[in-house]
């Protein structure tokens, strides 16, 4: 005796298809490889974002001289960002002093913008260093900024193993780039 599947709510999240299928969410058209920075990896989305690439298409909200910020394609919460050095480096001791400082300053700036735009109550900021520690891209250092709201751990992830993301990546990209350009 099974449960009638028509009683379940459906959350439309097409950007997750690439993640759950193990492939790319956008397989319709091949993307040209941008001119990567020295030492860049053509298979690394952070290196592609660090290159002179289409910022919107690659979800890059900020690219500075030493660090970049991208929207996480598979967010834990609305506003989930990744901050990384431009260079493809895997270890903390490989990052220069300027890169480390730029990453810290970028995290500080982005949490301020997210707090203002999303009205979040706090953040989880962290680094998974190495595959054994859970790094999904172990070859390119990156810090996660995950906005949090008081009481945001509701029944959906607990009971249904489902997270609800209330804003599209494109809409968030628009808000963040406008804030970074001073037009918000």
N, C-alpha and C. Protein backbone atom coordinates (compact mmCIF):
# COMPACT_ATOMS: atom_id res chain seq x y z
N UNK A 1 0.85 -1.17 0.00
CA UNK A 1 0.00 0.00 0.00
C UNK A 1 0.89 1.23 0.00
N UNK A 2 0.88 1.97 -1.09
CA UNK A 2 1.73 3.15 -1.23
C UNK A 2 0.97 4.43 -0.98
N UNK A 3 1.72 5.50 -0.83
CA UNK A 3 1.14 6.82 -0.65
C UNK A 3 0.87 7.43 -2.02
N UNK A 4 -0.25 8.10 -2.14
CA UNK A 4 -0.62 8.75 -3.39
C UNK A 4 0.38 9.88 -3.68
N UNK A 5 1.17 9.77 -4.79
CA UNK A 5 2.18 10.80 -5.07
C UNK A 5 1.59 12.16 -5.38
N UNK A 6 0.32 12.26 -5.69
CA UNK A 6 -0.26 13.56 -6.03
C UNK A 6 -0.41 14.47 -4.81
N UNK A 7 -0.24 13.94 -3.60
CA UNK A 7 -0.38 14.78 -2.41
C UNK A 7 0.91 15.55 -2.07
N UNK A 8 2.03 15.21 -2.72
CA UNK A 8 3.29 15.85 -2.40
C UNK A 8 3.43 17.20 -3.11
N UNK A 9 4.03 18.15 -2.38
CA UNK A 9 4.37 19.44 -2.97
C UNK A 9 5.60 19.24 -3.85
N UNK A 10 5.68 19.99 -4.91
CA UNK A 10 6.84 19.94 -5.78
C UNK A 10 7.54 21.30 -5.77
N UNK A 11 8.82 21.26 -5.52
CA UNK A 11 9.62 22.47 -5.56
C UNK A 11 10.41 22.44 -6.85
N UNK A 12 10.21 23.43 -7.70
CA UNK A 12 10.89 23.50 -8.99
C UNK A 12 12.27 24.09 -8.77
N UNK A 13 13.30 23.30 -9.03
CA UNK A 13 14.67 23.75 -8.86
C UNK A 13 15.53 23.22 -10.00
N UNK A 14 15.36 23.75 -11.23
CA UNK A 14 16.07 23.19 -12.38
C UNK A 14 17.58 23.28 -12.30
N UNK A 15 18.12 24.24 -11.56
CA UNK A 15 19.57 24.37 -11.44
C UNK A 15 20.18 23.19 -10.70
N UNK A 16 19.39 22.42 -9.98
CA UNK A 16 19.90 21.27 -9.24
C UNK A 16 20.11 20.04 -10.13
N UNK A 17 19.56 20.05 -11.34
CA UNK A 17 19.63 18.87 -12.20
C UNK A 17 21.06 18.44 -12.46
N UNK A 18 21.92 19.38 -12.76
CA UNK A 18 23.31 19.04 -13.02
C UNK A 18 23.97 18.38 -11.84
N UNK A 19 23.63 18.83 -10.65
CA UNK A 19 24.22 18.28 -9.43
C UNK A 19 23.75 16.85 -9.19
N UNK A 20 22.44 16.62 -9.25
CA UNK A 20 21.92 15.28 -8.94
C UNK A 20 22.20 14.28 -10.05
N UNK A 21 22.37 14.74 -11.29
CA UNK A 21 22.63 13.81 -12.39
C UNK A 21 24.12 13.58 -12.58
N UNK A 22 24.95 14.37 -11.89
CA UNK A 22 26.38 14.22 -12.04
C UNK A 22 26.94 14.89 -13.28
N UNK A 23 26.09 15.60 -14.01
CA UNK A 23 26.53 16.28 -15.22
C UNK A 23 26.37 17.77 -15.08
N UNK A 24 26.33 18.43 -16.18
CA UNK A 24 26.16 19.88 -16.20
C UNK A 24 24.68 20.22 -16.31
N UNK A 25 24.27 21.27 -15.63
CA UNK A 25 22.89 21.72 -15.71
C UNK A 25 22.58 22.32 -17.07
N UNK A 26 23.61 22.73 -17.77
CA UNK A 26 23.42 23.38 -19.07
C UNK A 26 24.23 22.62 -20.12
N UNK A 27 23.64 21.59 -20.70
CA UNK A 27 24.37 20.79 -21.67
C UNK A 27 23.96 21.13 -23.10
N UNK A 28 23.08 22.11 -23.28
CA UNK A 28 22.58 22.43 -24.61
C UNK A 28 23.66 22.98 -25.53
N UNK A 29 24.52 23.85 -25.03
CA UNK A 29 25.50 24.50 -25.89
C UNK A 29 26.88 24.44 -25.24
N UNK A 30 27.90 24.14 -26.01
CA UNK A 30 29.26 24.15 -25.43
C UNK A 30 29.69 25.58 -25.14
N UNK A 31 30.39 25.74 -24.05
CA UNK A 31 30.89 27.06 -23.68
C UNK A 31 32.34 27.21 -24.10
N UNK A 32 32.70 28.35 -24.67
CA UNK A 32 34.11 28.54 -25.01
C UNK A 32 34.93 28.70 -23.73
N UNK A 33 36.14 28.18 -23.75
CA UNK A 33 37.02 28.32 -22.60
C UNK A 33 37.65 29.71 -22.65
N UNK A 34 37.50 30.49 -21.58
CA UNK A 34 38.08 31.83 -21.58
C UNK A 34 39.61 31.75 -21.46
N UNK A 35 40.26 32.86 -21.64
CA UNK A 35 41.70 32.92 -21.43
C UNK A 35 41.97 32.85 -19.94
N UNK A 36 42.40 31.68 -19.50
CA UNK A 36 42.63 31.45 -18.07
C UNK A 36 43.88 32.19 -17.60
N UNK A 37 43.91 32.49 -16.31
CA UNK A 37 45.11 33.07 -15.72
C UNK A 37 46.19 32.00 -15.70
N UNK A 38 47.44 32.40 -15.56
CA UNK A 38 48.55 31.44 -15.50
C UNK A 38 48.28 30.43 -14.39
N UNK A 39 48.43 29.15 -14.71
CA UNK A 39 48.20 28.09 -13.73
C UNK A 39 46.75 27.72 -13.56
N UNK A 40 45.83 28.35 -14.31
CA UNK A 40 44.41 28.07 -14.19
C UNK A 40 44.05 26.70 -14.74
N UNK A 41 42.95 26.16 -14.25
CA UNK A 41 42.47 24.85 -14.65
C UNK A 41 41.18 25.03 -15.45
N UNK A 42 41.16 24.56 -16.69
CA UNK A 42 39.99 24.74 -17.57
C UNK A 42 38.76 24.01 -17.06
N UNK A 43 38.92 23.05 -16.15
CA UNK A 43 37.78 22.32 -15.58
C UNK A 43 37.29 22.92 -14.27
N UNK A 44 37.93 23.99 -13.81
CA UNK A 44 37.59 24.61 -12.52
C UNK A 44 36.70 25.83 -12.75
N UNK A 45 35.47 25.79 -12.23
CA UNK A 45 34.56 26.92 -12.45
C UNK A 45 35.07 28.20 -11.79
N UNK A 46 35.87 28.08 -10.74
CA UNK A 46 36.44 29.27 -10.10
C UNK A 46 37.51 29.89 -11.00
N UNK A 47 38.32 29.06 -11.66
CA UNK A 47 39.31 29.59 -12.60
C UNK A 47 38.63 30.24 -13.80
N UNK A 48 37.54 29.65 -14.26
CA UNK A 48 36.79 30.25 -15.36
C UNK A 48 36.21 31.60 -14.93
N UNK A 49 35.69 31.66 -13.70
CA UNK A 49 35.19 32.92 -13.17
C UNK A 49 36.28 33.95 -12.96
N UNK A 50 37.50 33.49 -12.62
CA UNK A 50 38.62 34.40 -12.39
C UNK A 50 39.15 34.97 -13.70
N UNK A 51 38.94 34.23 -14.79
CA UNK A 51 39.38 34.70 -16.10
C UNK A 51 38.48 35.83 -16.58
N UNK A 52 38.88 36.43 -17.65
CA UNK A 52 38.06 37.49 -18.23
C UNK A 52 36.87 36.84 -18.93
N UNK A 53 35.91 36.38 -18.13
CA UNK A 53 34.76 35.65 -18.66
C UNK A 53 33.49 36.45 -18.41
N UNK A 54 32.40 35.96 -18.95
CA UNK A 54 31.10 36.59 -18.77
C UNK A 54 30.71 36.46 -17.29
N UNK A 55 30.70 37.58 -16.59
CA UNK A 55 30.45 37.55 -15.15
C UNK A 55 29.06 37.01 -14.84
N UNK A 56 28.06 37.45 -15.57
CA UNK A 56 26.69 37.01 -15.28
C UNK A 56 26.53 35.51 -15.54
N UNK A 57 26.99 35.05 -16.69
CA UNK A 57 26.86 33.64 -17.04
C UNK A 57 27.57 32.75 -16.02
N UNK A 58 28.68 33.21 -15.49
CA UNK A 58 29.46 32.42 -14.54
C UNK A 58 29.14 32.77 -13.08
N UNK A 59 28.09 33.56 -12.88
CA UNK A 59 27.59 33.94 -11.55
C UNK A 59 28.63 34.67 -10.70
N UNK A 60 29.55 35.36 -11.35
CA UNK A 60 30.57 36.15 -10.64
C UNK A 60 29.94 37.49 -10.27
N UNK A 61 29.90 37.80 -8.99
CA UNK A 61 29.35 39.09 -8.56
C UNK A 61 30.46 40.12 -8.34
N UNK A 62 31.68 39.65 -8.13
CA UNK A 62 32.80 40.58 -7.93
C UNK A 62 34.09 39.88 -8.32
N UNK A 63 34.93 40.62 -9.03
CA UNK A 63 36.27 40.13 -9.38
C UNK A 63 37.24 41.26 -9.11
N UNK A 64 38.09 41.08 -8.10
CA UNK A 64 39.09 42.09 -7.76
C UNK A 64 40.46 41.66 -8.23
N UNK A 65 41.51 42.39 -7.83
CA UNK A 65 42.85 42.04 -8.28
C UNK A 65 43.38 40.72 -7.72
N UNK A 66 42.82 40.28 -6.57
CA UNK A 66 43.34 39.06 -5.93
C UNK A 66 42.26 38.04 -5.58
N UNK A 67 41.00 38.43 -5.59
CA UNK A 67 39.93 37.52 -5.15
C UNK A 67 38.67 37.72 -5.98
N UNK A 68 37.84 36.69 -6.00
CA UNK A 68 36.55 36.80 -6.68
C UNK A 68 35.46 36.23 -5.79
N UNK A 69 34.24 36.65 -6.08
CA UNK A 69 33.06 36.16 -5.37
C UNK A 69 32.07 35.66 -6.40
N UNK A 70 31.59 34.43 -6.19
CA UNK A 70 30.60 33.84 -7.08
C UNK A 70 29.42 33.33 -6.27
N UNK A 71 28.26 33.32 -6.91
CA UNK A 71 27.09 32.70 -6.30
C UNK A 71 27.27 31.19 -6.36
N UNK A 72 26.91 30.50 -5.30
CA UNK A 72 26.98 29.04 -5.30
C UNK A 72 25.81 28.52 -6.13
N UNK A 73 26.08 27.74 -7.17
CA UNK A 73 25.02 27.18 -8.02
C UNK A 73 24.14 26.20 -7.27
N UNK A 74 24.64 25.64 -6.19
CA UNK A 74 23.90 24.66 -5.40
C UNK A 74 23.84 25.14 -3.95
N UNK A 75 23.10 26.24 -3.71
CA UNK A 75 23.15 26.92 -2.40
C UNK A 75 22.50 26.13 -1.27
N UNK A 76 23.10 26.26 -0.08
CA UNK A 76 22.50 25.72 1.14
C UNK A 76 21.36 26.62 1.60
N UNK A 77 21.52 27.92 1.38
CA UNK A 77 20.53 28.92 1.74
C UNK A 77 20.56 30.01 0.68
N UNK A 78 19.52 30.81 0.65
CA UNK A 78 19.50 31.97 -0.24
C UNK A 78 20.70 32.86 0.07
N UNK A 79 21.40 33.30 -0.96
CA UNK A 79 22.54 34.20 -0.78
C UNK A 79 23.87 33.50 -0.56
N UNK A 80 23.94 32.19 -0.69
CA UNK A 80 25.17 31.42 -0.46
C UNK A 80 26.23 31.82 -1.49
N UNK A 81 27.33 32.37 -1.01
CA UNK A 81 28.42 32.85 -1.87
C UNK A 81 29.69 32.05 -1.64
N UNK A 82 30.57 32.07 -2.64
CA UNK A 82 31.90 31.51 -2.53
C UNK A 82 32.90 32.62 -2.80
N UNK A 83 33.91 32.73 -1.94
CA UNK A 83 34.97 33.73 -2.11
C UNK A 83 36.28 32.95 -2.28
N UNK A 84 37.02 33.26 -3.35
CA UNK A 84 38.22 32.49 -3.67
C UNK A 84 39.31 33.40 -4.19
N UNK A 85 40.57 32.95 -4.05
CA UNK A 85 41.64 33.69 -4.73
C UNK A 85 41.49 33.52 -6.23
N UNK A 86 41.98 34.48 -7.00
CA UNK A 86 41.93 34.34 -8.45
C UNK A 86 42.79 33.17 -8.91
N UNK A 87 43.93 32.99 -8.27
CA UNK A 87 44.84 31.91 -8.66
C UNK A 87 44.31 30.56 -8.21
N UNK A 88 44.61 29.54 -8.98
CA UNK A 88 44.23 28.16 -8.68
C UNK A 88 45.24 27.60 -7.68
N UNK A 89 44.95 27.78 -6.40
CA UNK A 89 45.80 27.26 -5.32
C UNK A 89 44.95 26.43 -4.38
N UNK A 90 45.51 25.33 -3.89
CA UNK A 90 44.75 24.38 -3.09
C UNK A 90 45.00 24.48 -1.60
N UNK A 91 46.09 25.12 -1.21
CA UNK A 91 46.47 25.12 0.21
C UNK A 91 46.60 26.55 0.73
N UNK A 92 46.35 26.71 2.02
CA UNK A 92 46.46 28.03 2.63
C UNK A 92 47.86 28.60 2.49
N UNK A 93 48.89 27.76 2.62
CA UNK A 93 50.26 28.26 2.54
C UNK A 93 50.67 28.62 1.11
N UNK A 94 49.82 28.33 0.12
CA UNK A 94 50.10 28.72 -1.26
C UNK A 94 49.53 30.11 -1.59
N UNK A 95 48.61 30.58 -0.76
CA UNK A 95 48.01 31.90 -0.98
C UNK A 95 48.98 32.98 -0.49
N UNK A 96 49.12 34.02 -1.28
CA UNK A 96 50.00 35.12 -0.88
C UNK A 96 49.33 35.95 0.23
N UNK A 97 50.13 36.80 0.84
CA UNK A 97 49.59 37.70 1.86
C UNK A 97 48.49 38.59 1.26
N UNK A 98 48.75 39.12 0.07
CA UNK A 98 47.76 39.98 -0.59
C UNK A 98 46.46 39.22 -0.89
N UNK A 99 46.57 37.96 -1.31
CA UNK A 99 45.37 37.16 -1.57
C UNK A 99 44.60 36.89 -0.28
N UNK A 100 45.32 36.53 0.78
CA UNK A 100 44.67 36.26 2.06
C UNK A 100 43.95 37.50 2.58
N UNK A 101 44.59 38.65 2.49
CA UNK A 101 43.97 39.90 2.93
C UNK A 101 42.76 40.24 2.06
N UNK A 102 42.88 40.06 0.75
CA UNK A 102 41.77 40.35 -0.16
C UNK A 102 40.58 39.44 0.13
N UNK A 103 40.84 38.18 0.43
CA UNK A 103 39.75 37.24 0.76
C UNK A 103 39.05 37.70 2.03
N UNK A 104 39.82 38.04 3.06
CA UNK A 104 39.21 38.51 4.31
C UNK A 104 38.39 39.77 4.08
N UNK A 105 38.95 40.72 3.35
CA UNK A 105 38.23 41.97 3.08
C UNK A 105 36.97 41.71 2.24
N UNK A 106 37.06 40.79 1.29
CA UNK A 106 35.90 40.46 0.45
C UNK A 106 34.81 39.81 1.27
N UNK A 107 35.17 38.89 2.15
CA UNK A 107 34.17 38.25 3.02
C UNK A 107 33.49 39.31 3.88
N UNK A 108 34.26 40.24 4.42
CA UNK A 108 33.70 41.32 5.23
C UNK A 108 32.73 42.16 4.41
N UNK A 109 33.12 42.54 3.21
CA UNK A 109 32.26 43.36 2.35
C UNK A 109 30.99 42.60 1.96
N UNK A 110 31.14 41.34 1.57
CA UNK A 110 29.98 40.58 1.10
C UNK A 110 28.98 40.31 2.23
N UNK A 111 29.45 40.04 3.43
CA UNK A 111 28.50 39.84 4.53
C UNK A 111 27.72 41.12 4.79
N UNK A 112 28.37 42.26 4.65
CA UNK A 112 27.66 43.54 4.82
C UNK A 112 26.59 43.73 3.77
N UNK A 113 26.91 43.43 2.51
CA UNK A 113 25.92 43.56 1.44
C UNK A 113 24.78 42.57 1.62
N UNK A 114 25.11 41.33 1.95
CA UNK A 114 24.06 40.32 2.13
C UNK A 114 23.14 40.69 3.29
N UNK A 115 23.71 41.17 4.37
CA UNK A 115 22.91 41.58 5.53
C UNK A 115 21.94 42.69 5.14
N UNK A 116 22.41 43.63 4.36
CA UNK A 116 21.58 44.75 3.93
C UNK A 116 20.50 44.30 2.93
N UNK A 117 20.88 43.48 1.96
CA UNK A 117 19.96 43.07 0.90
C UNK A 117 18.95 42.03 1.38
N UNK A 118 19.44 41.01 2.11
CA UNK A 118 18.59 39.88 2.49
C UNK A 118 18.02 39.99 3.90
N UNK A 119 18.52 40.94 4.69
CA UNK A 119 18.07 41.13 6.07
C UNK A 119 18.24 39.85 6.89
N UNK A 120 19.40 39.20 6.70
CA UNK A 120 19.68 37.98 7.44
C UNK A 120 20.15 38.32 8.86
N UNK A 121 20.07 37.33 9.74
CA UNK A 121 20.40 37.54 11.15
C UNK A 121 21.82 37.12 11.51
N UNK A 122 22.48 36.38 10.63
CA UNK A 122 23.83 35.90 10.89
C UNK A 122 24.38 35.17 9.68
N UNK A 123 25.56 34.59 9.85
CA UNK A 123 26.24 33.91 8.76
C UNK A 123 27.00 32.70 9.27
N UNK A 124 27.11 31.70 8.43
CA UNK A 124 28.13 30.67 8.58
C UNK A 124 29.17 31.00 7.53
N UNK A 125 30.42 31.18 7.97
CA UNK A 125 31.52 31.45 7.06
C UNK A 125 32.55 30.36 7.31
N UNK A 126 32.93 29.65 6.24
CA UNK A 126 33.87 28.56 6.47
C UNK A 126 34.59 28.09 5.23
N UNK A 127 35.61 27.27 5.48
CA UNK A 127 36.49 26.72 4.46
C UNK A 127 36.58 25.22 4.68
N UNK A 128 36.35 24.43 3.64
CA UNK A 128 36.59 23.00 3.69
C UNK A 128 37.92 22.78 2.99
N UNK A 129 38.93 22.43 3.74
CA UNK A 129 40.29 22.35 3.22
C UNK A 129 40.64 20.89 2.92
N UNK A 130 40.59 20.53 1.64
CA UNK A 130 40.90 19.16 1.22
C UNK A 130 39.65 18.31 1.05
N UNK A 131 39.74 17.31 0.19
CA UNK A 131 38.61 16.43 -0.10
C UNK A 131 38.09 15.73 1.16
N UNK A 132 38.98 15.28 2.02
CA UNK A 132 38.57 14.58 3.25
C UNK A 132 37.75 15.48 4.17
N UNK A 133 37.94 16.79 4.04
CA UNK A 133 37.19 17.75 4.87
C UNK A 133 35.91 18.21 4.19
N UNK A 134 35.61 17.66 3.01
CA UNK A 134 34.37 18.00 2.34
C UNK A 134 34.49 19.01 1.22
N UNK A 135 35.71 19.38 0.83
CA UNK A 135 35.88 20.36 -0.24
C UNK A 135 35.38 19.77 -1.56
N UNK A 136 34.40 20.43 -2.16
CA UNK A 136 33.88 19.98 -3.45
C UNK A 136 34.81 20.34 -4.60
N UNK A 137 35.64 21.36 -4.40
CA UNK A 137 36.64 21.77 -5.38
C UNK A 137 37.97 21.83 -4.62
N UNK A 138 38.58 20.68 -4.35
CA UNK A 138 39.77 20.67 -3.49
C UNK A 138 40.99 21.35 -4.08
N UNK A 139 41.02 21.60 -5.38
CA UNK A 139 42.17 22.23 -6.01
C UNK A 139 42.17 23.74 -5.97
N UNK A 140 41.04 24.36 -5.59
CA UNK A 140 40.96 25.82 -5.59
C UNK A 140 40.33 26.26 -4.27
N UNK A 141 41.14 26.86 -3.40
CA UNK A 141 40.64 27.35 -2.12
C UNK A 141 39.39 28.20 -2.32
N UNK A 142 38.41 28.05 -1.45
CA UNK A 142 37.24 28.93 -1.48
C UNK A 142 36.53 28.86 -0.14
N UNK A 143 36.06 30.01 0.27
CA UNK A 143 35.33 30.14 1.52
C UNK A 143 33.85 30.26 1.20
N UNK A 144 33.02 29.66 2.03
CA UNK A 144 31.57 29.74 1.89
C UNK A 144 31.05 30.84 2.82
N UNK A 145 30.13 31.63 2.30
CA UNK A 145 29.36 32.57 3.13
C UNK A 145 27.91 32.12 2.99
N UNK A 146 27.33 31.67 4.09
CA UNK A 146 25.95 31.17 4.08
C UNK A 146 25.11 32.05 5.01
N UNK A 147 24.22 32.88 4.44
CA UNK A 147 23.34 33.70 5.29
C UNK A 147 22.42 32.81 6.11
N UNK A 148 22.13 33.26 7.33
CA UNK A 148 21.24 32.51 8.22
C UNK A 148 20.21 33.45 8.83
N UNK A 149 19.05 32.91 9.13
CA UNK A 149 17.97 33.65 9.76
C UNK A 149 17.56 32.89 11.00
N UNK A 150 17.20 33.63 12.03
CA UNK A 150 16.72 32.99 13.26
C UNK A 150 15.55 32.08 12.91
N UNK A 151 15.66 30.82 13.27
CA UNK A 151 14.59 29.87 13.00
C UNK A 151 14.58 29.33 11.58
N UNK A 152 15.68 29.52 10.80
CA UNK A 152 15.65 29.07 9.40
C UNK A 152 15.78 27.55 9.25
N UNK A 153 16.02 26.86 10.30
CA UNK A 153 16.06 25.40 10.23
C UNK A 153 14.65 24.87 10.55
N UNK A 154 13.81 24.87 9.52
CA UNK A 154 12.42 24.48 9.68
C UNK A 154 12.23 23.00 9.38
N UNK A 155 11.00 22.58 9.21
CA UNK A 155 10.70 21.18 9.02
C UNK A 155 11.13 20.64 7.66
N UNK A 156 11.29 21.49 6.65
CA UNK A 156 11.59 21.00 5.30
C UNK A 156 12.88 20.17 5.26
N UNK A 157 14.03 20.72 5.72
CA UNK A 157 15.23 19.89 5.67
C UNK A 157 15.19 18.74 6.67
N UNK A 158 14.52 18.95 7.78
CA UNK A 158 14.49 17.94 8.83
C UNK A 158 13.63 16.74 8.46
N UNK A 159 12.43 17.00 7.97
CA UNK A 159 11.48 15.93 7.69
C UNK A 159 11.54 15.49 6.23
N UNK A 160 11.61 16.43 5.33
CA UNK A 160 11.51 16.10 3.91
C UNK A 160 12.85 16.09 3.18
N UNK A 161 13.94 16.35 3.89
CA UNK A 161 15.27 16.41 3.27
C UNK A 161 15.24 17.35 2.06
N UNK A 162 14.56 18.48 2.20
CA UNK A 162 14.39 19.44 1.12
C UNK A 162 14.71 20.83 1.65
N UNK A 163 15.46 21.58 0.87
CA UNK A 163 15.71 22.98 1.21
C UNK A 163 14.94 23.84 0.22
N UNK A 164 14.37 24.91 0.73
CA UNK A 164 13.63 25.84 -0.12
C UNK A 164 14.46 27.09 -0.27
N UNK A 165 14.78 27.43 -1.51
CA UNK A 165 15.55 28.63 -1.81
C UNK A 165 14.57 29.61 -2.46
N UNK A 166 14.25 30.73 -1.78
CA UNK A 166 13.16 31.58 -2.24
C UNK A 166 13.51 32.59 -3.34
N UNK A 167 14.76 32.61 -3.79
CA UNK A 167 15.16 33.63 -4.76
C UNK A 167 16.01 32.98 -5.84
N UNK A 168 15.81 33.40 -7.09
CA UNK A 168 16.62 32.83 -8.17
C UNK A 168 18.04 33.38 -8.09
N UNK A 169 18.98 32.62 -8.64
CA UNK A 169 20.37 33.07 -8.68
C UNK A 169 20.50 34.35 -9.49
N UNK A 170 19.74 34.45 -10.57
CA UNK A 170 19.80 35.63 -11.42
C UNK A 170 19.33 36.88 -10.68
N UNK A 171 18.25 36.76 -9.91
CA UNK A 171 17.75 37.91 -9.14
C UNK A 171 18.76 38.33 -8.08
N UNK A 172 19.39 37.36 -7.42
CA UNK A 172 20.40 37.69 -6.41
C UNK A 172 21.62 38.32 -7.06
N UNK A 173 22.03 37.81 -8.23
CA UNK A 173 23.17 38.39 -8.95
C UNK A 173 22.89 39.86 -9.24
N UNK A 174 21.68 40.16 -9.70
CA UNK A 174 21.29 41.56 -9.99
C UNK A 174 21.43 42.44 -8.75
N UNK A 175 20.91 41.98 -7.62
CA UNK A 175 20.96 42.77 -6.38
C UNK A 175 22.39 43.00 -5.90
N UNK A 176 23.20 41.93 -5.90
CA UNK A 176 24.57 42.07 -5.41
C UNK A 176 25.42 42.94 -6.33
N UNK A 177 25.31 42.75 -7.63
CA UNK A 177 26.14 43.58 -8.52
C UNK A 177 25.70 45.04 -8.46
N UNK A 178 24.41 45.28 -8.27
CA UNK A 178 23.94 46.66 -8.12
C UNK A 178 24.50 47.27 -6.83
N UNK A 179 24.51 46.51 -5.75
CA UNK A 179 25.05 47.00 -4.48
C UNK A 179 26.55 47.28 -4.60
N UNK A 180 27.25 46.39 -5.27
CA UNK A 180 28.71 46.57 -5.43
C UNK A 180 29.04 47.74 -6.34
N UNK A 181 28.13 48.07 -7.24
CA UNK A 181 28.33 49.22 -8.13
C UNK A 181 27.75 50.50 -7.55
N UNK A 182 27.23 50.43 -6.32
CA UNK A 182 26.73 51.62 -5.65
C UNK A 182 25.39 52.13 -6.13
N UNK A 183 24.62 51.28 -6.82
CA UNK A 183 23.33 51.75 -7.33
C UNK A 183 22.16 51.14 -6.57
N UNK A 184 22.40 50.71 -5.33
CA UNK A 184 21.28 50.17 -4.55
C UNK A 184 20.86 51.15 -3.49
